[in-house]
Amino acid sequence: MTVSDHGFPIGYFYIISKMNGLVVDLRGDSETAAPGTKIVMAQKREESPERDSQLWIHQNGFLTNKATGLVLDINPAESFIAIFTKEKRMYLDGMKEADAANDQRFGFESEPGFIYQLSEPKNVLDIRHELSEVDARLMIYKRKEYPEHEGKETKKNQLWDIELSDPPRAVDSDDEDEDDSKRARMKAWFGNWKAFGSHKKEILDEKELTDAHRKVYEDEEKKKKSTLSYELIAGAVAVQAVRMWEQKQEEEGKDVDSSMSKKLVAGFAATELVKLLADRGEDGDDEDGKESRKKRLLTKMAIVAATNYFENRHDSS
């Protein structure tokens, strides 16, 4: 597992309690989640998109939720008693600027497993009242001392495991530039980044997308290889779709802020993916003519990547 700054891995991951095996999730429907949504424990889900509310990614101290694009945040609890106890619990919120985001930036100590507040390392993620059931609330609390030796049982409500949502796999092993960490960074580009604003530009160096485009579209030796990763293909299609939009704008002389721009880019990405799969000898459908899971997944990845890349280049809202 490739580790980024502050101890978290690169890519999307589950945050799993060492006390009970439950995972960090949102309370309620992720489609209606908003700043102020409560953070709770839940049974782990394995399939997309149901699992997306349980997946997080680390960037510059922020833990961003895949389903919502909002970040993990510490705020005073809302109950009457909490007004007196000054208890602080975990919620979703929009990302703040780093110099004002002490309540949103975290690090991870894999041993023994603390997720701690960067500005106050003695404050750690905690399952409130050591509750072991589903829907238990999360809070921030002073870290405990956990015995290293056997024989003394302590509830591990402050200890966590981090598990990548998609285990690393060997792809194009003869290409020294195509490694697990790059694919993880590219996969982040396909996420929901509405909370990041201008910070979206920091997620992925544009050069990695243009390198993907070169390999898939221009490198004759590699463009037909069956081992090209989904991330590489989707990234290449994203670049191609945005280039097609830019060419169309240049030819027609239209304002780049057209309200239809994102829809056009998404359409270009979907069309271009079908063409690319056909050129690679893959029609993308199963034996019954139904759209395959691979094609659906690649189409979604390419559209989101193309939209994010378009926003990155043209500062679209």
C-alpha atoms as a PDB file:
ATOM      1  CA  MET A   1       0.000   0.000   0.000  1.00  0.00           C
ATOM      2  CA  THR A   2       1.516   3.328  -1.082  1.00  0.00           C
ATOM      3  CA  VAL A   3       1.275   5.882   1.724  1.00  0.00           C
ATOM      4  CA  SER A   4       0.729   9.606   1.206  1.00  0.00           C
ATOM      5  CA  ASP A   5       1.528  12.459   3.574  1.00  0.00           C
ATOM      6  CA  HIS A   6       0.140  12.116   7.127  1.00  0.00           C
ATOM      7  CA  GLY A   7       0.001   8.311   6.970  1.00  0.00           C
ATOM      8  CA  PHE A   8      -3.068   7.660   4.787  1.00  0.00           C
ATOM      9  CA  PRO A   9      -2.827   5.566   1.591  1.00  0.00           C
ATOM     10  CA  ILE A  10      -3.246   7.028  -1.888  1.00  0.00           C
ATOM     11  CA  GLY A  11      -6.680   6.341  -3.334  1.00  0.00           C
ATOM     12  CA  TYR A  12     -10.149   5.671  -1.881  1.00  0.00           C
ATOM     13  CA  PHE A  13     -10.395   3.649   1.325  1.00  0.00           C
ATOM     14  CA  TYR A  14     -12.700   2.408   4.082  1.00  0.00           C
ATOM     15  CA  ILE A  15     -12.122   3.503   7.696  1.00  0.00           C
ATOM     16  CA  ILE A  16     -12.798   0.352   9.751  1.00  0.00           C
ATOM     17  CA  SER A  17     -13.154   0.160  13.528  1.00  0.00           C
ATOM     18  CA  LYS A  18     -10.779  -2.258  15.254  1.00  0.00           C
ATOM     19  CA  MET A  19     -13.396  -2.626  17.970  1.00  0.00           C
ATOM     20  CA  ASN A  20     -16.258  -4.053  15.914  1.00  0.00           C
ATOM     21  CA  GLY A  21     -15.399  -4.132  12.188  1.00  0.00           C
ATOM     22  CA  LEU A  22     -17.992  -1.494  11.288  1.00  0.00           C
ATOM     23  CA  VAL A  23     -17.045   1.331   8.940  1.00  0.00           C
ATOM     24  CA  VAL A  24     -17.331   5.113   8.987  1.00  0.00           C
ATOM     25  CA  ASP A  25     -20.399   6.232   7.006  1.00  0.00           C
ATOM     26  CA  LEU A  26     -22.994   9.006   6.699  1.00  0.00           C
ATOM     27  CA  ARG A  27     -26.351   8.992   8.455  1.00  0.00           C
ATOM     28  CA  GLY A  28     -29.190   8.939   5.937  1.00  0.00           C
ATOM     29  CA  ASP A  29     -29.267   9.007   2.146  1.00  0.00           C
ATOM     30  CA  SER A  30     -25.996  10.186   0.606  1.00  0.00           C
ATOM     31  CA  GLU A  31     -27.924  11.791  -2.271  1.00  0.00           C
ATOM     32  CA  THR A  32     -29.449  14.295   0.132  1.00  0.00           C
ATOM     33  CA  ALA A  33     -26.382  14.663   2.341  1.00  0.00           C
ATOM     34  CA  ALA A  34     -25.235  18.226   2.963  1.00  0.00           C
ATOM     35  CA  PRO A  35     -22.996  20.189   5.321  1.00  0.00           C
ATOM     36  CA  GLY A  36     -24.068  19.163   8.820  1.00  0.00           C
ATOM     37  CA  THR A  37     -24.807  15.521   7.932  1.00  0.00           C
ATOM     38  CA  LYS A  38     -23.858  13.312  10.897  1.00  0.00           C
ATOM     39  CA  ILE A  39     -21.072  10.701  10.752  1.00  0.00           C
ATOM     40  CA  VAL A  40     -21.941   7.245  12.105  1.00  0.00           C
ATOM     41  CA  MET A  41     -20.856   3.598  12.050  1.00  0.00           C
ATOM     42  CA  ALA A  42     -22.386   1.153   9.553  1.00  0.00           C
ATOM     43  CA  GLN A  43     -22.063  -2.318   8.098  1.00  0.00           C
ATOM     44  CA  LYS A  44     -19.534  -2.403   5.284  1.00  0.00           C
ATOM     45  CA  ARG A  45     -20.930  -2.427   1.737  1.00  0.00           C
ATOM     46  CA  GLU A  46     -18.929  -3.895  -1.128  1.00  0.00           C
ATOM     47  CA  GLU A  47     -20.723  -2.749  -4.296  1.00  0.00           C
ATOM     48  CA  SER A  48     -20.747   0.612  -6.065  1.00  0.00           C
ATOM     49  CA  PRO A  49     -22.441   3.034  -5.886  1.00  0.00           C
ATOM     50  CA  GLU A  50     -23.912   1.884  -2.545  1.00  0.00           C
ATOM     51  CA  ARG A  51     -20.482   1.800  -0.933  1.00  0.00           C
ATOM     52  CA  ASP A  52     -19.445   5.301  -2.058  1.00  0.00           C
ATOM     53  CA  SER A  53     -20.707   7.001   1.109  1.00  0.00           C
ATOM     54  CA  GLN A  54     -18.267   4.780   3.035  1.00  0.00           C
ATOM     55  CA  LEU A  55     -15.230   5.643   0.929  1.00  0.00           C
ATOM     56  CA  TRP A  56     -12.818   8.442   1.783  1.00  0.00           C
ATOM     57  CA  ILE A  57      -9.729   9.899   0.189  1.00  0.00           C
ATOM     58  CA  HIS A  58      -6.944  11.885   1.814  1.00  0.00           C
ATOM     59  CA  GLN A  59      -5.526  15.061   0.308  1.00  0.00           C
ATOM     60  CA  ASN A  60      -3.393  17.572   2.199  1.00  0.00           C
ATOM     61  CA  GLY A  61      -4.916  16.512   5.524  1.00  0.00           C
ATOM     62  CA  PHE A  62      -8.543  16.589   4.359  1.00  0.00           C
ATOM     63  CA  LEU A  63     -10.651  13.405   4.319  1.00  0.00           C
ATOM     64  CA  THR A  64     -13.138  13.752   1.460  1.00  0.00           C
ATOM     65  CA  ASN A  65     -16.205  11.541   1.118  1.00  0.00           C
ATOM     66  CA  LYS A  66     -16.543   9.964  -2.334  1.00  0.00           C
ATOM     67  CA  ALA A  67     -20.342  10.076  -2.546  1.00  0.00           C
ATOM     68  CA  THR A  68     -20.758  13.726  -1.564  1.00  0.00           C
ATOM     69  CA  GLY A  69     -17.465  15.498  -2.222  1.00  0.00           C
ATOM     70  CA  LEU A  70     -17.708  16.987   1.296  1.00  0.00           C
ATOM     71  CA  VAL A  71     -15.052  16.603   3.985  1.00  0.00           C
ATOM     72  CA  LEU A  72     -14.908  15.180   7.498  1.00  0.00           C
ATOM     73  CA  ASP A  73     -15.375  17.998  10.000  1.00  0.00           C
ATOM     74  CA  ILE A  74     -15.370  18.513  13.796  1.00  0.00           C
ATOM     75  CA  ASN A  75     -18.162  20.617  15.297  1.00  0.00           C
ATOM     76  CA  PRO A  76     -19.860  21.084  18.684  1.00  0.00           C
ATOM     77  CA  ALA A  77     -22.557  18.483  19.311  1.00  0.00           C
ATOM     78  CA  GLU A  78     -26.141  19.701  19.013  1.00  0.00           C
ATOM     79  CA  SER A  79     -27.724  18.105  22.098  1.00  0.00           C
ATOM     80  CA  PHE A  80     -28.693  20.116  25.182  1.00  0.00           C
ATOM     81  CA  ILE A  81     -26.250  18.195  27.411  1.00  0.00           C
ATOM     82  CA  ALA A  82     -23.422  18.720  24.922  1.00  0.00           C
ATOM     83  CA  ILE A  83     -23.719  22.483  25.404  1.00  0.00           C
ATOM     84  CA  PHE A  84     -22.393  21.942  28.941  1.00  0.00           C
ATOM     85  CA  THR A  85     -19.959  19.100  28.230  1.00  0.00           C
ATOM     86  CA  LYS A  86     -18.538  20.889  25.156  1.00  0.00           C
ATOM     87  CA  GLU A  87     -18.586  17.567  23.340  1.00  0.00           C
ATOM     88  CA  LYS A  88     -17.503  17.722  19.703  1.00  0.00           C
ATOM     89  CA  ARG A  89     -18.769  15.265  17.114  1.00  0.00           C
ATOM     90  CA  MET A  90     -18.093  14.470  13.474  1.00  0.00           C
ATOM     91  CA  TYR A  91     -20.067  15.915  10.556  1.00  0.00           C
ATOM     92  CA  LEU A  92     -19.718  16.649   6.860  1.00  0.00           C
ATOM     93  CA  ASP A  93     -18.861  20.130   5.691  1.00  0.00           C
ATOM     94  CA  GLY A  94     -17.457  22.020   2.738  1.00  0.00           C
ATOM     95  CA  MET A  95     -13.695  22.376   2.598  1.00  0.00           C
ATOM     96  CA  LYS A  96     -12.167  25.408   4.244  1.00  0.00           C
ATOM     97  CA  GLU A  97      -8.899  27.071   3.329  1.00  0.00           C
ATOM     98  CA  ALA A  98      -6.021  25.193   4.978  1.00  0.00           C
ATOM     99  CA  ASP A  99      -5.116  28.035   7.356  1.00  0.00           C
ATOM    100  CA  ALA A 100      -8.686  28.008   8.743  1.00  0.00           C
ATOM    101  CA  ALA A 101      -9.268  24.252   8.626  1.00  0.00           C
ATOM    102  CA  ASN A 102      -7.886  22.937  11.910  1.00  0.00           C
ATOM    103  CA  ASP A 103     -11.186  21.108  12.456  1.00  0.00           C
ATOM    104  CA  GLN A 104     -10.962  19.372   9.058  1.00  0.00           C
ATOM    105  CA  ARG A 105      -7.399  18.077   8.753  1.00  0.00           C
ATOM    106  CA  PHE A 106      -6.289  14.670  10.029  1.00  0.00           C
ATOM    107  CA  GLY A 107      -3.373  12.259  10.150  1.00  0.00           C
ATOM    108  CA  PHE A 108      -3.161   8.498  10.676  1.00  0.00           C
ATOM    109  CA  GLU A 109      -0.893   6.405  12.914  1.00  0.00           C
ATOM    110  CA  SER A 110      -1.158   2.853  11.626  1.00  0.00           C
ATOM    111  CA  GLU A 111       0.184   1.580  14.951  1.00  0.00           C
ATOM    112  CA  PRO A 112      -1.832   1.397  17.072  1.00  0.00           C
ATOM    113  CA  GLY A 113      -4.409   2.949  14.674  1.00  0.00           C
ATOM    114  CA  PHE A 114      -5.239   6.516  15.717  1.00  0.00           C
ATOM    115  CA  ILE A 115      -6.822   9.035  13.325  1.00  0.00           C
ATOM    116  CA  TYR A 116      -5.778  12.313  14.932  1.00  0.00           C
ATOM    117  CA  GLN A 117      -6.382  16.020  14.469  1.00  0.00           C
ATOM    118  CA  LEU A 118      -3.287  17.525  12.846  1.00  0.00           C
ATOM    119  CA  SER A 119      -3.511  20.744  14.865  1.00  0.00           C
ATOM    120  CA  GLU A 120      -4.108  18.854  18.150  1.00  0.00           C
ATOM    121  CA  PRO A 121      -2.537  15.359  17.839  1.00  0.00           C
ATOM    122  CA  LYS A 122      -3.883  14.301  21.240  1.00  0.00           C
ATOM    123  CA  ASN A 123      -7.425  14.597  19.850  1.00  0.00           C
ATOM    124  CA  VAL A 124      -8.501  11.459  17.969  1.00  0.00           C
ATOM    125  CA  LEU A 125     -11.497   9.955  16.169  1.00  0.00           C
ATOM    126  CA  ASP A 126     -13.615   8.101  18.729  1.00  0.00           C
ATOM    127  CA  ILE A 127     -16.817   6.024  18.728  1.00  0.00           C
ATOM    128  CA  ARG A 128     -18.989   7.822  21.280  1.00  0.00           C
ATOM    129  CA  HIS A 129     -19.527   5.978  24.595  1.00  0.00           C
ATOM    130  CA  GLU A 130     -17.762   2.895  23.142  1.00  0.00           C
ATOM    131  CA  LEU A 131     -21.059   1.904  21.529  1.00  0.00           C
ATOM    132  CA  SER A 132     -20.693  -1.153  19.333  1.00  0.00           C
ATOM    133  CA  GLU A 133     -23.940  -0.979  17.363  1.00  0.00           C
ATOM    134  CA  VAL A 134     -24.728   0.353  13.912  1.00  0.00           C
ATOM    135  CA  ASP A 135     -25.528   4.101  13.792  1.00  0.00           C
ATOM    136  CA  ALA A 136     -23.274   4.925  16.761  1.00  0.00           C
ATOM    137  CA  ARG A 137     -22.059   8.532  16.509  1.00  0.00           C
ATOM    138  CA  LEU A 138     -18.434   9.549  16.027  1.00  0.00           C
ATOM    139  CA  MET A 139     -16.738  12.262  18.002  1.00  0.00           C
ATOM    140  CA  ILE A 140     -13.325  13.743  18.652  1.00  0.00           C
ATOM    141  CA  TYR A 141     -11.843  12.905  22.061  1.00  0.00           C
ATOM    142  CA  LYS A 142      -8.567  12.810  23.957  1.00  0.00           C
ATOM    143  CA  ARG A 143      -6.573   9.740  23.000  1.00  0.00           C
ATOM    144  CA  LYS A 144      -6.319   6.817  25.391  1.00  0.00           C
ATOM    145  CA  GLU A 145      -3.233   4.832  26.245  1.00  0.00           C
ATOM    146  CA  TYR A 146      -3.597   1.347  24.803  1.00  0.00           C
ATOM    147  CA  PRO A 147      -1.536  -1.418  26.436  1.00  0.00           C
ATOM    148  CA  GLU A 148       0.948  -3.066  24.127  1.00  0.00           C
ATOM    149  CA  HIS A 149       1.087  -6.268  26.178  1.00  0.00           C
ATOM    150  CA  GLU A 150      -1.452  -9.068  26.325  1.00  0.00           C
ATOM    151  CA  GLY A 151      -3.755  -9.563  29.281  1.00  0.00           C
ATOM    152  CA  LYS A 152      -5.436  -6.180  29.646  1.00  0.00           C
ATOM    153  CA  GLU A 153      -8.596  -5.738  27.609  1.00  0.00           C
ATOM    154  CA  THR A 154      -9.413  -2.220  26.436  1.00  0.00           C
ATOM    155  CA  LYS A 155     -12.248  -1.335  24.071  1.00  0.00           C
ATOM    156  CA  LYS A 156     -10.673  -0.198  20.838  1.00  0.00           C
ATOM    157  CA  ASN A 157     -13.183   2.523  20.040  1.00  0.00           C
ATOM    158  CA  GLN A 158     -10.363   4.904  19.090  1.00  0.00           C
ATOM    159  CA  LEU A 159      -8.432   2.489  16.886  1.00  0.00           C
ATOM    160  CA  TRP A 160      -8.900   2.117  13.139  1.00  0.00           C
ATOM    161  CA  ASP A 161      -7.767   0.094  10.152  1.00  0.00           C
ATOM    162  CA  ILE A 162      -7.564   1.636   6.688  1.00  0.00           C
ATOM    163  CA  GLU A 163      -8.513  -0.639   3.777  1.00  0.00           C
ATOM    164  CA  LEU A 164      -8.236   0.385   0.131  1.00  0.00           C
ATOM    165  CA  SER A 165     -11.553   0.050  -1.683  1.00  0.00           C
ATOM    166  CA  ASP A 166      -9.858  -1.649  -4.629  1.00  0.00           C
ATOM    167  CA  PRO A 167      -6.735  -3.668  -3.848  1.00  0.00           C
ATOM    168  CA  PRO A 168      -3.686  -2.909  -6.004  1.00  0.00           C
ATOM    169  CA  ARG A 169      -3.345  -5.113  -9.064  1.00  0.00           C
ATOM    170  CA  ALA A 170      -0.534  -5.634 -11.530  1.00  0.00           C
ATOM    171  CA  VAL A 171      -1.112  -3.619 -14.696  1.00  0.00           C
ATOM    172  CA  ASP A 172       1.322  -3.200 -17.595  1.00  0.00           C
ATOM    173  CA  SER A 173       4.224  -4.374 -15.469  1.00  0.00           C
ATOM    174  CA  ASP A 174       6.717  -3.682 -18.254  1.00  0.00           C
ATOM    175  CA  ASP A 175       5.881   0.015 -18.097  1.00  0.00           C
ATOM    176  CA  GLU A 176       7.851   1.667 -15.305  1.00  0.00           C
ATOM    177  CA  ASP A 177       5.564   4.711 -15.386  1.00  0.00           C
ATOM    178  CA  GLU A 178       2.365   2.725 -14.761  1.00  0.00           C
ATOM    179  CA  ASP A 179       2.286   1.914 -11.049  1.00  0.00           C
ATOM    180  CA  ASP A 180      -0.295   1.514  -8.306  1.00  0.00           C
ATOM    181  CA  SER A 181       0.189   4.994  -6.889  1.00  0.00           C
ATOM    182  CA  LYS A 182      -0.372   6.673 -10.261  1.00  0.00           C
ATOM    183  CA  ARG A 183      -3.565   4.690 -10.846  1.00  0.00           C
ATOM    184  CA  ALA A 184      -4.758   5.636  -7.368  1.00  0.00           C
ATOM    185  CA  ARG A 185      -4.169   9.321  -8.070  1.00  0.00           C
ATOM    186  CA  MET A 186      -5.939   9.039 -11.414  1.00  0.00           C
ATOM    187  CA  LYS A 187      -8.864   7.266  -9.793  1.00  0.00           C
ATOM    188  CA  ALA A 188      -9.190  10.258  -7.478  1.00  0.00           C
ATOM    189  CA  TRP A 189      -9.688  12.383 -10.580  1.00  0.00           C
ATOM    190  CA  PHE A 190     -12.885  10.447 -11.247  1.00  0.00           C
ATOM    191  CA  GLY A 191     -14.352  11.377  -7.853  1.00  0.00           C
ATOM    192  CA  ASN A 192     -16.798  14.010  -6.655  1.00  0.00           C
ATOM    193  CA  TRP A 193     -14.790  17.141  -5.872  1.00  0.00           C
ATOM    194  CA  LYS A 194     -17.455  19.803  -5.361  1.00  0.00           C
ATOM    195  CA  ALA A 195     -16.062  20.572  -1.903  1.00  0.00           C
ATOM    196  CA  PHE A 196     -12.566  21.256  -3.203  1.00  0.00           C
ATOM    197  CA  GLY A 197     -13.157  24.356  -5.325  1.00  0.00           C
ATOM    198  CA  SER A 198      -9.845  25.643  -6.627  1.00  0.00           C
ATOM    199  CA  HIS A 199      -8.040  22.863  -4.743  1.00  0.00           C
ATOM    200  CA  LYS A 200      -9.226  20.454  -7.432  1.00  0.00           C
ATOM    201  CA  LYS A 201      -6.196  21.530  -9.440  1.00  0.00           C
ATOM    202  CA  GLU A 202      -3.974  19.942  -6.783  1.00  0.00           C
ATOM    203  CA  ILE A 203      -5.467  16.455  -7.072  1.00  0.00           C
ATOM    204  CA  LEU A 204      -3.725  15.367 -10.250  1.00  0.00           C
ATOM    205  CA  ASP A 205      -0.973  16.838 -12.340  1.00  0.00           C
ATOM    206  CA  GLU A 206      -2.378  17.478 -15.818  1.00  0.00           C
ATOM    207  CA  LYS A 207       0.757  15.874 -17.251  1.00  0.00           C
ATOM    208  CA  GLU A 208      -0.424  12.461 -16.023  1.00  0.00           C
ATOM    209  CA  LEU A 209      -3.652  12.790 -18.001  1.00  0.00           C
ATOM    210  CA  THR A 210      -1.836  13.914 -21.152  1.00  0.00           C
ATOM    211  CA  ASP A 211       0.639  11.031 -20.719  1.00  0.00           C
ATOM    212  CA  ALA A 212      -2.353   8.658 -20.553  1.00  0.00           C
ATOM    213  CA  HIS A 213      -3.698  10.205 -23.763  1.00  0.00           C
ATOM    214  CA  ARG A 214      -0.356   9.708 -25.505  1.00  0.00           C
ATOM    215  CA  LYS A 215      -0.137   6.046 -24.470  1.00  0.00           C
ATOM    216  CA  VAL A 216      -3.699   5.185 -25.470  1.00  0.00           C
ATOM    217  CA  TYR A 217      -4.010   7.269 -28.631  1.00  0.00           C
ATOM    218  CA  GLU A 218      -0.476   7.707 -29.982  1.00  0.00           C
ATOM    219  CA  ASP A 219       1.785   4.905 -28.769  1.00  0.00           C
ATOM    220  CA  GLU A 220       1.166   2.131 -31.306  1.00  0.00           C
ATOM    221  CA  GLU A 221       2.864  -0.478 -29.114  1.00  0.00           C
ATOM    222  CA  LYS A 222       0.679   0.251 -26.095  1.00  0.00           C
ATOM    223  CA  LYS A 223      -2.655   1.370 -27.538  1.00  0.00           C
ATOM    224  CA  LYS A 224      -3.715  -2.190 -28.378  1.00  0.00           C
ATOM    225  CA  LYS A 225      -2.517  -3.750 -25.119  1.00  0.00           C
ATOM    226  CA  SER A 226      -5.239  -5.545 -23.192  1.00  0.00           C
ATOM    227  CA  THR A 227      -3.453  -4.748 -19.911  1.00  0.00           C
ATOM    228  CA  LEU A 228      -4.061  -1.016 -20.080  1.00  0.00           C
ATOM    229  CA  SER A 229      -5.822  -0.056 -16.851  1.00  0.00           C
ATOM    230  CA  TYR A 230      -9.349   1.368 -16.696  1.00  0.00           C
ATOM    231  CA  GLU A 231      -7.842   4.503 -15.134  1.00  0.00           C
ATOM    232  CA  LEU A 232      -5.462   5.007 -18.055  1.00  0.00           C
ATOM    233  CA  ILE A 233      -8.209   4.518 -20.658  1.00  0.00           C
ATOM    234  CA  ALA A 234     -10.688   6.810 -18.893  1.00  0.00           C
ATOM    235  CA  GLY A 235      -8.033   9.488 -18.393  1.00  0.00           C
ATOM    236  CA  ALA A 236      -7.084   9.354 -22.065  1.00  0.00           C
ATOM    237  CA  VAL A 237     -10.712   9.624 -23.173  1.00  0.00           C
ATOM    238  CA  ALA A 238     -11.193  12.598 -20.820  1.00  0.00           C
ATOM    239  CA  VAL A 239      -8.361  14.482 -22.509  1.00  0.00           C
ATOM    240  CA  GLN A 240      -9.677  13.600 -25.965  1.00  0.00           C
ATOM    241  CA  ALA A 241     -13.211  14.776 -25.103  1.00  0.00           C
ATOM    242  CA  VAL A 242     -12.009  18.138 -23.801  1.00  0.00           C
ATOM    243  CA  ARG A 243      -9.800  18.599 -26.864  1.00  0.00           C
ATOM    244  CA  MET A 244     -12.811  17.888 -29.079  1.00  0.00           C
ATOM    245  CA  TRP A 245     -14.827  20.517 -27.200  1.00  0.00           C
ATOM    246  CA  GLU A 246     -12.004  23.052 -27.480  1.00  0.00           C
ATOM    247  CA  GLN A 247     -11.728  22.425 -31.206  1.00  0.00           C
ATOM    248  CA  LYS A 248     -15.495  22.869 -31.607  1.00  0.00           C
ATOM    249  CA  GLN A 249     -15.366  26.154 -29.680  1.00  0.00           C
ATOM    250  CA  GLU A 250     -12.495  27.401 -31.827  1.00  0.00           C
ATOM    251  CA  GLU A 251     -14.263  26.478 -35.040  1.00  0.00           C
ATOM    252  CA  GLU A 252     -17.572  28.044 -34.022  1.00  0.00           C
ATOM    253  CA  GLY A 253     -16.121  30.968 -32.071  1.00  0.00           C
ATOM    254  CA  LYS A 254     -18.463  30.477 -29.120  1.00  0.00           C
ATOM    255  CA  ASP A 255     -17.984  31.651 -25.554  1.00  0.00           C
ATOM    256  CA  VAL A 256     -16.235  28.986 -23.444  1.00  0.00           C
ATOM    257  CA  ASP A 257     -18.735  29.636 -20.626  1.00  0.00           C
ATOM    258  CA  SER A 258     -21.657  28.153 -22.558  1.00  0.00           C
ATOM    259  CA  SER A 259     -24.145  26.495 -20.194  1.00  0.00           C
ATOM    260  CA  MET A 260     -24.123  23.430 -22.436  1.00  0.00           C
ATOM    261  CA  SER A 261     -20.357  22.924 -22.232  1.00  0.00           C
ATOM    262  CA  LYS A 262     -20.331  20.180 -19.600  1.00  0.00           C
ATOM    263  CA  LYS A 263     -23.079  18.251 -21.375  1.00  0.00           C
ATOM    264  CA  LEU A 264     -21.169  18.494 -24.636  1.00  0.00           C
ATOM    265  CA  VAL A 265     -17.956  17.302 -23.006  1.00  0.00           C
ATOM    266  CA  ALA A 266     -19.807  14.389 -21.335  1.00  0.00           C
ATOM    267  CA  GLY A 267     -21.338  13.436 -24.699  1.00  0.00           C
ATOM    268  CA  PHE A 268     -17.958  13.585 -26.414  1.00  0.00           C
ATOM    269  CA  ALA A 269     -16.474  11.336 -23.689  1.00  0.00           C
ATOM    270  CA  ALA A 270     -19.222   8.712 -24.005  1.00  0.00           C
ATOM    271  CA  THR A 271     -19.017   8.681 -27.807  1.00  0.00           C
ATOM    272  CA  GLU A 272     -15.249   8.607 -27.823  1.00  0.00           C
ATOM    273  CA  LEU A 273     -15.137   5.680 -25.405  1.00  0.00           C
ATOM    274  CA  VAL A 274     -17.378   3.585 -27.687  1.00  0.00           C
ATOM    275  CA  LYS A 275     -15.101   4.405 -30.628  1.00  0.00           C
ATOM    276  CA  LEU A 276     -11.955   3.607 -28.656  1.00  0.00           C
ATOM    277  CA  LEU A 277     -13.292   0.249 -27.474  1.00  0.00           C
ATOM    278  CA  ALA A 278     -14.215  -0.636 -31.046  1.00  0.00           C
ATOM    279  CA  ASP A 279     -10.723   0.317 -32.260  1.00  0.00           C
ATOM    280  CA  ARG A 280      -9.287  -1.969 -29.582  1.00  0.00           C
ATOM    281  CA  GLY A 281     -11.499  -4.837 -30.746  1.00  0.00           C
ATOM    282  CA  GLU A 282     -13.856  -4.593 -27.773  1.00  0.00           C
ATOM    283  CA  ASP A 283     -17.479  -3.764 -28.544  1.00  0.00           C
ATOM    284  CA  GLY A 284     -18.180  -3.311 -24.849  1.00  0.00           C
ATOM    285  CA  ASP A 285     -21.362  -5.440 -24.873  1.00  0.00           C
ATOM    286  CA  ASP A 286     -22.041  -8.970 -23.654  1.00  0.00           C
ATOM    287  CA  GLU A 287     -23.213 -11.895 -25.756  1.00  0.00           C
ATOM    288  CA  ASP A 288     -26.868 -10.818 -25.492  1.00  0.00           C
ATOM    289  CA  GLY A 289     -26.056  -7.336 -26.775  1.00  0.00           C
ATOM    290  CA  LYS A 290     -26.510  -5.773 -23.352  1.00  0.00           C
ATOM    291  CA  GLU A 291     -24.070  -3.159 -22.198  1.00  0.00           C
ATOM    292  CA  SER A 292     -21.347  -4.853 -20.171  1.00  0.00           C
ATOM    293  CA  ARG A 293     -20.398  -3.872 -16.636  1.00  0.00           C
ATOM    294  CA  LYS A 294     -16.947  -2.871 -17.900  1.00  0.00           C
ATOM    295  CA  LYS A 295     -18.431  -0.515 -20.475  1.00  0.00           C
ATOM    296  CA  ARG A 296     -20.791   1.058 -17.919  1.00  0.00           C
ATOM    297  CA  LEU A 297     -17.951   1.541 -15.454  1.00  0.00           C
ATOM    298  CA  LEU A 298     -15.584   2.978 -18.058  1.00  0.00           C
ATOM    299  CA  THR A 299     -18.255   5.313 -19.400  1.00  0.00           C
ATOM    300  CA  LYS A 300     -18.967   6.693 -15.929  1.00  0.00           C
ATOM    301  CA  MET A 301     -15.248   7.112 -15.203  1.00  0.00           C
ATOM    302  CA  ALA A 302     -14.580   8.824 -18.533  1.00  0.00           C
ATOM    303  CA  ILE A 303     -17.501  11.258 -18.187  1.00  0.00           C
ATOM    304  CA  VAL A 304     -16.574  12.296 -14.647  1.00  0.00           C
ATOM    305  CA  ALA A 305     -12.886  12.570 -15.539  1.00  0.00           C
ATOM    306  CA  ALA A 306     -13.677  14.653 -18.635  1.00  0.00           C
ATOM    307  CA  THR A 307     -15.970  16.972 -16.637  1.00  0.00           C
ATOM    308  CA  ASN A 308     -13.355  17.455 -13.916  1.00  0.00           C
ATOM    309  CA  TYR A 309     -10.607  18.014 -16.481  1.00  0.00           C
ATOM    310  CA  PHE A 310     -12.785  20.537 -18.314  1.00  0.00           C
ATOM    311  CA  GLU A 311     -13.429  22.450 -15.072  1.00  0.00           C
ATOM    312  CA  ASN A 312      -9.721  22.353 -14.261  1.00  0.00           C
ATOM    313  CA  ARG A 313      -8.756  23.890 -17.600  1.00  0.00           C
ATOM    314  CA  HIS A 314     -11.573  26.375 -17.991  1.00  0.00           C
ATOM    315  CA  ASP A 315     -12.472  27.271 -14.376  1.00  0.00           C
ATOM    316  CA  SER A 316     -16.103  26.358 -14.973  1.00  0.00           C
ATOM    317  CA  SER A 317     -18.485  26.237 -12.016  1.00  0.00           C
END
